[in-house]
Amino acid sequence: MTLTELKYIVAVAREKHFGRAAEACYVSQPTLSVAVKKLEDELEVKLFERSAGDVSVTPLGEEIVRQAQSVLEQAAEIKEIAKRGKDPLAGPLTLGVIYTIGPYLLPELVRQSISRTPQMPLMLQENFTVRLLEMLRTGEIDCAILAEPFPDTGLAIAPLYDEPFMAAVPASHALAGRESVSAMELKNETMLLLGAGHCFRDHVLEVCPEFARYASNAEGIRRTFEGSSLETIKHMVSAGMGVTLVPRLSVPRDALHTGVRRRKSDDAHIRYLPVVESDGSAPPMRRVVLAWRRSFTRYEAIAALRNAIYACELPGVKRLS
């Protein structure tokens, strides 16, 4: 049994395809297939079920792959120990970020990281929460910035900030002249939502749960529309198609200042309003956290990343420690 063979079975389990696994490992498919078969013969177990164009992991294979991933991490840690002896922050840090955070946090976070820890470049990956959790589990990324809640997978969690939601309405809308809006008032509007897979979609539906049902022509149920990104949704709001909720960091800097000349863009046709509750309860918001595997031992790197995040401006959010 070799580390190379363990690397191959982890890749096959991740890719569910021998060809793609071979590409990921920079070897030919026959080389990878022979190595996997050799390991199966040595262990006298079947790790994968093979069929035309499809590969699945057997129940016993799942357990062996998990242990193989742990062994690979421990082997990699030997190199990390040596690196930390010279510089605790030496080497890249692979960071995953969900789509509704990345565009608004990463530009300044990257600048802060380069300024503070140039020897620790950030390798960035944007994706859905479910995919990032899987990538954390398999070691494809070191840590991730996510919004709670998400399934408890035994990860280490550090809270970063609480971010309020804001309502985005067309500048010509009746609500545009208001100083704030309530969730109850939004329930009477045509709501624009992100597509399935975005956790922020679920956050919006918690505020306006009746939009979880869809109908194009049904009495008492407003028509809803979906977009692939927050920026797409904003274009739809600007065009007068409806209203939506957005996280505070996605609001342009000058959008909340009356009397400031707005740049010529779709944002100039959108009014952003705080969402308040008439009963005095807390406004809707999401908690953003940093998550990493408990087996990941580059503690200094995690601490440096948190410090870089806290050094960002983060307007309108409540920082957590």
Protein backbone atom coordinates (compact mmCIF):
# COMPACT_ATOMS: atom_id res chain seq x y z
CA MET A 1 0.00 0.00 0.00
CA THR A 2 1.38 3.40 -0.98
CA LEU A 3 0.35 7.02 -0.47
CA THR A 4 0.00 7.30 -4.24
CA GLU A 5 -2.59 4.51 -4.29
CA LEU A 6 -4.49 6.20 -1.45
CA LYS A 7 -4.41 9.47 -3.40
CA TYR A 8 -5.87 7.67 -6.42
CA ILE A 9 -8.82 6.10 -4.55
CA VAL A 10 -9.66 9.43 -2.91
CA ALA A 11 -9.66 11.07 -6.35
CA VAL A 12 -11.92 8.36 -7.84
CA ALA A 13 -14.33 8.67 -4.91
CA ARG A 14 -14.44 12.44 -5.39
CA GLU A 15 -14.78 12.49 -9.18
CA LYS A 16 -16.98 9.36 -9.53
CA HIS A 17 -15.09 8.78 -12.78
CA PHE A 18 -11.73 7.09 -13.48
CA GLY A 19 -10.86 9.37 -16.39
CA ARG A 20 -11.44 12.60 -14.47
CA ALA A 21 -9.65 11.18 -11.43
CA ALA A 22 -6.63 10.37 -13.60
CA GLU A 23 -6.61 13.92 -15.00
CA ALA A 24 -6.79 15.34 -11.47
CA CYS A 25 -3.81 13.20 -10.46
CA TYR A 26 -1.86 13.99 -13.67
CA VAL A 27 -1.51 10.33 -14.68
CA SER A 28 -2.95 8.19 -17.44
CA GLN A 29 -6.21 6.36 -16.80
CA PRO A 30 -4.60 2.90 -17.21
CA THR A 31 -1.95 3.80 -14.61
CA LEU A 32 -4.61 4.88 -12.13
CA SER A 33 -6.87 1.89 -12.85
CA VAL A 34 -4.04 -0.60 -12.36
CA ALA A 35 -3.04 1.01 -9.06
CA VAL A 36 -6.63 0.97 -7.75
CA LYS A 37 -7.05 -2.68 -8.78
CA LYS A 38 -3.73 -3.55 -7.07
CA LEU A 39 -4.93 -1.95 -3.83
CA GLU A 40 -8.28 -3.76 -4.02
CA ASP A 41 -6.44 -7.07 -4.50
CA GLU A 42 -4.16 -6.34 -1.56
CA LEU A 43 -7.05 -5.46 0.72
CA GLU A 44 -9.24 -8.22 -0.74
CA VAL A 45 -12.22 -5.86 -0.90
CA LYS A 46 -14.10 -4.09 -3.66
CA LEU A 47 -13.82 -0.31 -3.28
CA PHE A 48 -15.82 0.79 -6.33
CA GLU A 49 -18.80 -0.47 -8.30
CA ARG A 50 -18.05 0.03 -11.99
CA SER A 51 -20.67 0.31 -14.70
CA ALA A 52 -20.91 2.00 -18.09
CA GLY A 53 -19.97 5.63 -17.53
CA ASP A 54 -20.66 5.46 -13.80
CA VAL A 55 -18.57 4.73 -10.71
CA SER A 56 -19.94 4.46 -7.17
CA VAL A 57 -18.17 3.78 -3.88
CA THR A 58 -19.11 0.63 -1.99
CA PRO A 59 -20.17 1.00 1.68
CA LEU A 60 -16.86 -0.49 2.86
CA GLY A 61 -15.08 1.63 0.27
CA GLU A 62 -16.56 4.79 1.79
CA GLU A 63 -14.97 3.95 5.13
CA ILE A 64 -11.62 3.11 3.56
CA VAL A 65 -11.64 6.31 1.47
CA ARG A 66 -12.30 8.39 4.60
CA GLN A 67 -9.36 6.74 6.34
CA ALA A 68 -7.20 7.22 3.23
CA GLN A 69 -8.04 10.95 3.25
CA SER A 70 -7.01 11.13 6.90
CA VAL A 71 -3.72 9.34 6.16
CA LEU A 72 -2.98 11.74 3.28
CA GLU A 73 -3.67 14.73 5.51
CA GLN A 74 -1.37 13.37 8.19
CA ALA A 75 1.35 12.74 5.59
CA ALA A 76 0.94 16.30 4.27
CA GLU A 77 1.15 17.56 7.84
CA ILE A 78 4.73 16.26 8.08
CA LYS A 79 5.68 18.75 5.38
CA GLU A 80 3.64 21.47 7.06
CA ILE A 81 5.46 20.90 10.36
CA ALA A 82 8.75 21.40 8.57
CA LYS A 83 7.46 24.58 6.90
CA ARG A 84 6.12 26.00 10.14
CA GLY A 85 9.54 25.51 11.69
CA LYS A 86 10.79 28.11 9.22
CA ASP A 87 7.65 30.26 8.88
CA PRO A 88 4.28 29.33 10.44
CA LEU A 89 2.46 31.14 7.63
CA ALA A 90 4.48 29.81 4.70
CA GLY A 91 2.50 28.30 1.85
CA PRO A 92 -0.89 28.96 0.24
CA LEU A 93 -4.23 28.74 2.03
CA THR A 94 -7.14 27.40 -0.02
CA LEU A 95 -10.30 29.33 0.86
CA GLY A 96 -13.85 28.58 -0.27
CA VAL A 97 -16.54 31.29 -0.28
CA ILE A 98 -20.24 31.12 -1.10
CA TYR A 99 -21.45 33.09 -4.12
CA THR A 100 -23.39 35.70 -2.11
CA ILE A 101 -20.31 36.69 -0.10
CA GLY A 102 -17.40 36.35 -2.52
CA PRO A 103 -17.89 39.37 -4.81
CA TYR A 104 -18.40 41.75 -1.88
CA LEU A 105 -15.75 40.55 0.58
CA LEU A 106 -12.95 39.01 -1.47
CA PRO A 107 -11.55 42.12 -3.26
CA GLU A 108 -10.64 43.86 -0.01
CA LEU A 109 -9.82 40.58 1.78
CA VAL A 110 -7.27 39.70 -0.89
CA ARG A 111 -5.67 43.15 -0.59
CA GLN A 112 -5.49 42.81 3.20
CA SER A 113 -4.05 39.32 2.95
CA ILE A 114 -1.34 40.35 0.47
CA SER A 115 -0.42 43.28 2.70
CA ARG A 116 -0.34 41.28 5.95
CA THR A 117 0.84 37.81 4.92
CA PRO A 118 2.38 37.91 1.42
CA GLN A 119 4.00 34.52 2.08
CA MET A 120 0.51 32.96 2.42
CA PRO A 121 -1.33 33.52 -0.90
CA LEU A 122 -5.05 32.79 -0.90
CA MET A 123 -6.24 30.19 -3.39
CA LEU A 124 -9.93 31.04 -3.89
CA GLN A 125 -12.91 28.84 -4.73
CA GLU A 126 -16.49 30.14 -5.06
CA ASN A 127 -19.31 27.62 -4.84
CA PHE A 128 -22.57 26.62 -3.18
CA THR A 129 -22.60 25.78 0.54
CA VAL A 130 -23.23 22.06 -0.04
CA ARG A 131 -20.31 21.77 -2.45
CA LEU A 132 -17.95 23.73 -0.19
CA LEU A 133 -18.81 21.45 2.75
CA GLU A 134 -17.96 18.44 0.60
CA MET A 135 -14.69 20.06 -0.48
CA LEU A 136 -13.82 20.71 3.15
CA ARG A 137 -14.52 17.07 4.02
CA THR A 138 -12.33 15.74 1.21
CA GLY A 139 -9.51 18.23 1.80
CA GLU A 140 -9.90 20.07 -1.52
CA ILE A 141 -10.03 23.35 0.40
CA ASP A 142 -8.58 24.29 3.79
CA CYS A 143 -11.35 26.53 5.08
CA ALA A 144 -14.54 28.26 3.93
CA ILE A 145 -16.57 31.40 4.60
CA LEU A 146 -20.21 30.32 4.91
CA ALA A 147 -23.54 31.63 6.19
CA GLU A 148 -25.34 29.72 8.91
CA PRO A 149 -27.25 27.52 9.20
CA PHE A 150 -25.71 24.53 7.44
CA PRO A 151 -25.53 20.83 8.31
CA ASP A 152 -23.36 19.99 11.30
CA THR A 153 -20.40 18.14 9.81
CA GLY A 154 -18.07 18.27 12.82
CA LEU A 155 -16.24 21.34 11.53
CA ALA A 156 -14.49 23.92 13.67
CA ILE A 157 -16.43 27.20 13.45
CA ALA A 158 -15.43 30.79 14.20
CA PRO A 159 -18.16 33.48 13.92
CA LEU A 160 -17.13 36.49 11.83
CA TYR A 161 -20.08 38.90 11.63
CA ASP A 162 -23.86 39.27 11.62
CA GLU A 163 -25.06 40.85 8.38
CA PRO A 164 -28.52 42.45 8.11
CA PHE A 165 -30.69 42.10 5.01
CA MET A 166 -31.84 45.14 3.06
CA ALA A 167 -34.78 45.47 0.71
CA ALA A 168 -33.96 46.45 -2.87
CA VAL A 169 -36.86 48.13 -4.70
CA PRO A 170 -37.08 49.98 -8.03
CA ALA A 171 -36.51 53.73 -7.67
CA SER A 172 -39.97 54.29 -9.16
CA HIS A 173 -41.67 51.94 -6.66
CA ALA A 174 -44.17 53.25 -4.12
CA LEU A 175 -41.90 52.03 -1.29
CA ALA A 176 -38.84 53.85 -2.65
CA GLY A 177 -39.67 57.03 -0.74
CA ARG A 178 -39.74 55.23 2.60
CA GLU A 179 -36.96 55.27 5.19
CA SER A 180 -37.51 51.57 5.93
CA VAL A 181 -39.83 48.69 5.09
CA SER A 182 -41.22 45.72 7.01
CA ALA A 183 -41.22 42.07 6.00
CA MET A 184 -45.03 42.17 6.08
CA GLU A 185 -45.09 44.90 3.42
CA LEU A 186 -42.75 42.90 1.20
CA LYS A 187 -45.16 39.97 1.24
CA ASN A 188 -47.50 41.92 -1.00
CA GLU A 189 -44.84 42.42 -3.67
CA THR A 190 -43.47 40.35 -6.53
CA MET A 191 -40.39 38.77 -4.94
CA LEU A 192 -37.26 38.04 -6.97
CA LEU A 193 -35.30 35.05 -5.66
CA LEU A 194 -31.98 33.37 -6.29
CA GLY A 195 -32.21 29.94 -7.87
CA ALA A 196 -32.13 26.64 -5.99
CA GLY A 197 -28.82 25.83 -4.33
CA HIS A 198 -28.13 29.32 -2.96
CA CYS A 199 -28.38 29.41 0.83
CA PHE A 200 -29.38 33.09 0.64
CA ARG A 201 -32.53 31.99 -1.17
CA ASP A 202 -33.45 29.99 1.95
CA HIS A 203 -32.72 33.01 4.13
CA VAL A 204 -35.12 35.15 2.07
CA LEU A 205 -37.81 32.47 2.24
CA GLU A 206 -37.50 32.46 6.04
CA VAL A 207 -38.46 36.14 5.98
CA CYS A 208 -41.21 35.68 3.36
CA PRO A 209 -42.15 31.98 3.58
CA GLU A 210 -45.19 32.26 1.31
CA PHE A 211 -42.85 32.71 -1.65
CA ALA A 212 -41.72 29.11 -1.19
CA ARG A 213 -44.73 28.23 -3.35
CA TYR A 214 -44.83 29.23 -7.00
CA ALA A 215 -47.68 29.87 -9.40
CA SER A 216 -47.82 31.90 -12.58
CA ASN A 217 -51.53 32.55 -12.47
CA ALA A 218 -53.09 31.67 -9.11
CA GLU A 219 -55.22 33.91 -6.95
CA GLY A 220 -53.56 34.92 -3.72
CA ILE A 221 -50.06 33.80 -4.74
CA ARG A 222 -47.74 36.33 -6.27
CA ARG A 223 -45.68 35.35 -9.28
CA THR A 224 -42.00 34.96 -8.44
CA PHE A 225 -38.93 35.08 -10.61
CA GLU A 226 -35.47 33.57 -10.14
CA GLY A 227 -31.98 34.75 -11.01
CA SER A 228 -28.58 33.06 -11.07
CA SER A 229 -26.76 35.67 -8.96
CA LEU A 230 -27.45 38.68 -6.76
CA GLU A 231 -26.22 40.97 -9.50
CA THR A 232 -28.69 39.40 -11.95
CA ILE A 233 -31.45 39.91 -9.38
CA LYS A 234 -30.44 43.58 -9.04
CA HIS A 235 -30.71 44.06 -12.81
CA MET A 236 -34.24 42.62 -12.60
CA VAL A 237 -35.12 45.02 -9.77
CA SER A 238 -33.71 47.94 -11.76
CA ALA A 239 -35.95 46.93 -14.67
CA GLY A 240 -38.99 47.14 -12.39
CA MET A 241 -39.72 43.40 -12.36
CA GLY A 242 -40.09 43.22 -8.58
CA VAL A 243 -38.30 43.59 -5.24
CA THR A 244 -35.82 41.45 -3.34
CA LEU A 245 -33.72 41.17 -0.21
CA VAL A 246 -29.93 41.52 -0.41
CA PRO A 247 -27.13 41.21 2.19
CA ARG A 248 -25.80 44.52 3.48
CA LEU A 249 -22.30 44.15 2.02
CA SER A 250 -23.76 43.86 -1.49
CA VAL A 251 -25.20 47.39 -1.26
CA PRO A 252 -23.03 49.95 -3.15
CA ARG A 253 -21.18 52.43 -0.96
CA ASP A 254 -23.07 55.50 -2.18
CA ALA A 255 -26.51 53.89 -2.31
CA LEU A 256 -27.50 54.83 1.25
CA HIS A 257 -26.43 58.46 1.04
CA THR A 258 -29.14 60.79 -0.18
CA GLY A 259 -27.95 63.75 -2.21
CA VAL A 260 -24.95 61.85 -3.55
CA ARG A 261 -24.84 61.67 -7.31
CA ARG A 262 -25.03 58.01 -8.25
CA ARG A 263 -22.98 56.58 -11.07
CA LYS A 264 -24.84 55.73 -14.24
CA SER A 265 -25.67 52.06 -13.76
CA ASP A 266 -28.54 49.81 -12.80
CA ASP A 267 -27.80 50.60 -9.14
CA ALA A 268 -28.85 54.18 -9.78
CA HIS A 269 -32.39 52.88 -10.40
CA ILE A 270 -32.58 50.89 -7.16
CA ARG A 271 -33.42 52.12 -3.67
CA TYR A 272 -32.08 50.12 -0.72
CA LEU A 273 -34.14 50.19 2.47
CA PRO A 274 -33.49 48.76 5.95
CA VAL A 275 -35.91 45.99 6.91
CA VAL A 276 -37.48 46.63 10.31
CA GLU A 277 -40.05 44.66 12.29
CA SER A 278 -43.09 46.47 13.67
CA ASP A 279 -43.10 44.31 16.81
CA GLY A 280 -39.60 45.44 17.75
CA SER A 281 -37.98 42.06 17.07
CA ALA A 282 -34.53 41.86 15.51
CA PRO A 283 -34.39 42.61 11.78
CA PRO A 284 -33.63 39.67 9.48
CA MET A 285 -29.94 38.92 9.16
CA ARG A 286 -27.49 36.10 8.53
CA ARG A 287 -24.47 34.99 10.54
CA VAL A 288 -21.28 34.60 8.51
CA VAL A 289 -18.67 32.20 9.86
CA LEU A 290 -15.28 30.74 9.02
CA ALA A 291 -15.23 26.93 9.00
CA TRP A 292 -12.35 24.45 8.77
CA ARG A 293 -11.67 20.76 9.47
CA ARG A 294 -10.75 19.99 13.05
CA SER A 295 -7.84 17.97 11.70
CA PHE A 296 -6.43 21.05 9.94
CA THR A 297 -3.54 22.19 12.13
CA ARG A 298 -2.36 25.44 10.51
CA TYR A 299 -3.83 27.43 13.38
CA GLU A 300 -1.66 30.45 12.63
CA ALA A 301 -3.01 30.57 9.07
CA ILE A 302 -6.63 30.52 10.28
CA ALA A 303 -5.87 33.27 12.81
CA ALA A 304 -4.15 35.38 10.13
CA LEU A 305 -7.12 34.96 7.80
CA ARG A 306 -9.57 36.03 10.53
CA ASN A 307 -7.45 39.09 11.28
CA ALA A 308 -7.42 40.01 7.59
CA ILE A 309 -11.22 39.69 7.46
CA TYR A 310 -11.62 41.88 10.55
CA ALA A 311 -9.32 44.48 8.95
CA CYS A 312 -11.81 44.88 6.07
CA GLU A 313 -14.30 47.73 6.35
CA LEU A 314 -17.46 45.55 6.45
CA PRO A 315 -19.91 48.50 6.52
CA GLY A 316 -23.21 47.95 8.29
CA VAL A 317 -22.41 44.56 9.83
CA LYS A 318 -21.87 43.57 13.46
CA ARG A 319 -18.42 42.09 13.97
CA LEU A 320 -18.19 39.05 16.22
CA SER A 321 -15.25 37.70 18.18
